Amino acid sequence: MSSDPTTPSRVDSVAWTLPNILTYARIALVPVLVATFFISGEMGRWIAVCIFIAASVTDYIDGYIARAWQQQSSLGTMLDPIADKLLVSAALLLLAANETIAGISLFAAVIILSREILVSGLREFLATVQVSVPVTQLAKWKTAIQMTAVTFLLCGPEGRELFWFSSELGIVLLWLAAMLTLYTGYDYFRAGMHHVIAADEKDDA
């Protein structure tokens, strides 16, 4: 007699795999990252940088472990991009609030955030018609550049102690990530709209 895949033991075994635990940890670090911006002085900046780097590293590690240990799951597939979006969105909003990102560079942050909302909405719809849109290699590069940009920007003025051009490099990488965001966002939207139109035609038939 085969076991029911929806039994509590089966659900627990999927929910508490190491890759998923790392994803939970990344989500849990988001409010901690926000709290560091209320710490006065350069100490808060460096704590924020360490937290963001640790969270970014878990993004790579959980995917690697999931593939290597064959622990990929629908739960992980759903939560992993959510964790990334929460982390980056929180960081960008905080950097805009303290004017690390200011002026015309705010448009780069708006482009990135808008794309994340658009793709999330598209993925939510496609899930209802049981269609998945795989992450492209270019989108992975975009995420890596985006994470690097935010790391440099989180260093703020204090980052000049390590790299005198850290703030400028952070802004340049942020714009590069924004440009890649536009391209990959359009790519996802074009692929997704094919299924949206197909669903409408099926309903009208």
Protein backbone atom coordinates (compact mmCIF):
# COMPACT_ATOMS: atom_id res chain seq x y z
CA MET A 1 0.00 0.00 0.00
CA SER A 2 1.58 3.29 -1.09
CA SER A 3 1.78 6.18 1.33
CA ASP A 4 -0.23 9.33 0.73
CA PRO A 5 2.14 12.13 -0.43
CA THR A 6 0.02 14.63 1.50
CA THR A 7 0.45 12.95 4.90
CA PRO A 8 2.03 15.12 7.65
CA SER A 9 5.26 13.12 7.66
CA ARG A 10 5.68 13.56 3.91
CA VAL A 11 4.88 17.28 4.10
CA ASP A 12 7.34 17.76 6.96
CA SER A 13 10.10 15.93 5.10
CA VAL A 14 9.67 18.26 2.11
CA ALA A 15 9.20 21.45 4.13
CA TRP A 16 12.26 20.94 6.33
CA THR A 17 14.91 20.02 3.81
CA LEU A 18 18.15 21.98 4.14
CA PRO A 19 17.56 24.04 0.95
CA ASN A 20 14.15 25.14 2.21
CA ILE A 21 15.52 25.93 5.67
CA LEU A 22 18.12 28.20 4.04
CA THR A 23 15.33 29.91 2.10
CA TYR A 24 13.35 30.43 5.33
CA ALA A 25 16.49 31.92 6.89
CA ARG A 26 16.85 34.35 3.97
CA ILE A 27 13.28 35.54 4.47
CA ALA A 28 13.83 35.85 8.23
CA LEU A 29 16.90 38.04 7.62
CA VAL A 30 14.81 40.69 5.81
CA PRO A 31 13.41 42.36 8.98
CA VAL A 32 16.85 42.05 10.58
CA LEU A 33 18.32 43.92 7.62
CA VAL A 34 15.69 46.64 8.04
CA ALA A 35 16.54 46.94 11.74
CA THR A 36 20.20 47.65 10.99
CA PHE A 37 19.23 50.94 9.34
CA PHE A 38 18.09 52.19 12.73
CA ILE A 39 21.56 51.65 14.21
CA SER A 40 23.43 54.94 14.20
CA GLY A 41 26.99 55.22 12.96
CA GLU A 42 28.98 53.06 10.58
CA MET A 43 28.39 49.92 12.66
CA GLY A 44 24.86 49.65 11.27
CA ARG A 45 26.16 49.86 7.72
CA TRP A 46 28.66 47.04 8.16
CA ILE A 47 26.13 44.82 9.92
CA ALA A 48 23.73 45.41 7.03
CA VAL A 49 26.44 44.48 4.53
CA CYS A 50 27.26 41.26 6.41
CA ILE A 51 23.59 40.29 6.63
CA PHE A 52 22.99 41.00 2.95
CA ILE A 53 26.06 39.04 1.86
CA ALA A 54 25.08 36.09 4.09
CA ALA A 55 21.55 36.11 2.68
CA SER A 56 22.85 36.38 -0.89
CA VAL A 57 25.20 33.43 -0.35
CA THR A 58 22.32 31.26 0.88
CA ASP A 59 20.57 32.00 -2.43
CA TYR A 60 23.37 30.18 -4.24
CA ILE A 61 23.90 27.47 -1.64
CA ASP A 62 20.27 26.38 -1.33
CA GLY A 63 19.97 25.93 -5.11
CA TYR A 64 23.24 24.02 -5.29
CA ILE A 65 22.29 21.70 -2.43
CA ALA A 66 18.80 21.14 -3.83
CA ARG A 67 20.27 19.98 -7.13
CA ALA A 68 23.19 18.02 -5.67
CA TRP A 69 21.06 16.23 -3.04
CA GLN A 70 17.99 15.96 -5.30
CA GLN A 71 15.90 17.93 -2.82
CA GLN A 72 14.19 20.21 -5.31
CA SER A 73 10.56 20.82 -4.43
CA SER A 74 7.59 22.91 -5.50
CA LEU A 75 7.75 24.70 -2.15
CA GLY A 76 11.36 25.68 -2.71
CA THR A 77 10.65 26.73 -6.30
CA MET A 78 7.89 29.01 -5.05
CA LEU A 79 9.69 30.49 -2.04
CA ASP A 80 13.16 31.01 -3.50
CA PRO A 81 12.29 33.89 -5.87
CA ILE A 82 10.00 35.39 -3.21
CA ALA A 83 12.88 35.46 -0.74
CA ASP A 84 15.12 37.15 -3.33
CA LYS A 85 12.51 39.78 -4.14
CA LEU A 86 11.83 40.55 -0.46
CA LEU A 87 15.54 40.93 0.26
CA VAL A 88 16.36 43.16 -2.72
CA SER A 89 13.16 45.22 -2.47
CA ALA A 90 13.71 45.94 1.22
CA ALA A 91 17.33 46.93 0.60
CA LEU A 92 16.47 49.23 -2.33
CA LEU A 93 13.68 50.96 -0.41
CA LEU A 94 15.95 51.55 2.57
CA LEU A 95 18.78 52.83 0.36
CA ALA A 96 16.34 55.23 -1.31
CA ALA A 97 15.03 56.36 2.08
CA ASN A 98 18.48 57.31 3.36
CA GLU A 99 19.34 58.85 -0.05
CA THR A 100 22.18 56.48 -0.86
CA ILE A 101 20.19 56.04 -4.06
CA ALA A 102 19.01 59.48 -5.11
CA GLY A 103 18.26 61.65 -8.12
CA ILE A 104 18.05 59.95 -11.48
CA SER A 105 19.39 56.69 -10.02
CA LEU A 106 16.01 56.26 -8.34
CA PHE A 107 14.69 55.34 -11.79
CA ALA A 108 17.00 52.30 -11.81
CA ALA A 109 15.53 51.15 -8.50
CA VAL A 110 11.97 51.75 -9.75
CA ILE A 111 12.69 49.72 -12.91
CA ILE A 112 13.96 46.80 -10.83
CA LEU A 113 11.03 46.89 -8.40
CA SER A 114 8.46 47.28 -11.20
CA ARG A 115 9.86 44.31 -13.06
CA GLU A 116 9.69 42.15 -9.93
CA ILE A 117 6.01 43.04 -9.44
CA LEU A 118 5.23 42.40 -13.11
CA VAL A 119 6.96 39.01 -13.21
CA SER A 120 5.40 37.97 -9.88
CA GLY A 121 1.93 38.76 -11.20
CA LEU A 122 2.64 36.92 -14.43
CA ARG A 123 3.95 33.86 -12.61
CA GLU A 124 0.88 33.86 -10.35
CA PHE A 125 -1.42 33.79 -13.38
CA LEU A 126 0.61 31.14 -15.20
CA ALA A 127 0.47 28.95 -12.10
CA THR A 128 -3.34 28.89 -12.43
CA VAL A 129 -2.99 27.41 -15.92
CA GLN A 130 -0.21 25.09 -14.79
CA VAL A 131 2.53 26.74 -16.85
CA SER A 132 5.99 27.44 -15.46
CA VAL A 133 8.43 29.99 -16.83
CA PRO A 134 12.00 28.79 -16.21
CA VAL A 135 14.68 31.17 -15.00
CA THR A 136 17.08 32.01 -17.81
CA GLN A 137 20.86 32.19 -17.48
CA LEU A 138 20.73 35.93 -18.23
CA ALA A 139 18.23 36.41 -15.41
CA LYS A 140 20.67 34.66 -13.07
CA TRP A 141 23.42 37.05 -14.15
CA LYS A 142 21.04 39.95 -13.58
CA THR A 143 20.40 38.74 -10.04
CA ALA A 144 24.13 38.39 -9.34
CA ILE A 145 24.87 41.91 -10.61
CA GLN A 146 21.91 43.26 -8.68
CA MET A 147 23.11 41.65 -5.44
CA THR A 148 26.63 42.98 -5.99
CA ALA A 149 25.31 46.49 -6.65
CA VAL A 150 23.24 46.50 -3.48
CA THR A 151 26.21 45.21 -1.46
CA PHE A 152 28.40 48.12 -2.59
CA LEU A 153 25.60 50.61 -1.97
CA LEU A 154 24.97 49.25 1.51
CA CYS A 155 28.61 50.04 2.34
CA GLY A 156 27.79 53.71 1.78
CA PRO A 157 30.45 56.33 2.55
CA GLU A 158 32.16 53.89 4.90
CA GLY A 159 32.86 51.64 1.93
CA ARG A 160 35.45 54.09 0.68
CA GLU A 161 37.73 52.79 3.42
CA LEU A 162 38.00 49.56 1.41
CA PHE A 163 37.25 50.75 -2.14
CA TRP A 164 37.35 54.48 -2.79
CA PHE A 165 35.00 54.06 -5.75
CA SER A 166 32.52 51.70 -4.01
CA SER A 167 29.51 54.05 -4.17
CA GLU A 168 30.09 54.92 -7.82
CA LEU A 169 30.57 51.24 -8.72
CA GLY A 170 27.36 50.38 -6.88
CA ILE A 171 25.40 52.93 -8.93
CA VAL A 172 26.92 51.73 -12.21
CA LEU A 173 26.08 48.11 -11.39
CA LEU A 174 22.57 49.15 -10.31
CA TRP A 175 21.97 50.72 -13.74
CA LEU A 176 23.42 47.65 -15.46
CA ALA A 177 21.07 45.45 -13.42
CA ALA A 178 18.18 47.75 -14.36
CA MET A 179 18.98 47.41 -18.08
CA LEU A 180 19.17 43.63 -17.78
CA THR A 181 15.96 43.77 -15.77
CA LEU A 182 14.17 45.50 -18.66
CA TYR A 183 15.39 42.91 -21.13
CA THR A 184 14.66 39.82 -19.02
CA GLY A 185 11.34 41.30 -17.90
CA TYR A 186 10.30 41.78 -21.52
CA ASP A 187 11.49 38.27 -22.31
CA TYR A 188 9.36 36.79 -19.50
CA PHE A 189 6.39 38.96 -20.44
CA ARG A 190 6.56 37.94 -24.10
CA ALA A 191 6.75 34.25 -23.19
CA GLY A 192 3.98 34.59 -20.63
CA MET A 193 1.62 36.53 -22.89
CA HIS A 194 1.63 33.62 -25.32
CA HIS A 195 0.03 31.48 -22.63
CA VAL A 196 -2.30 34.30 -21.51
CA ILE A 197 -3.66 34.70 -25.05
CA ALA A 198 -3.92 30.92 -25.44
CA ALA A 199 -5.97 30.75 -22.23
CA ASP A 200 -8.33 33.50 -23.48
CA GLU A 201 -8.80 31.71 -26.80
CA LYS A 202 -9.55 28.47 -24.97
CA ASP A 203 -12.19 30.22 -22.84
CA ASP A 204 -13.81 31.77 -25.93
CA ALA A 205 -13.89 28.46 -27.80
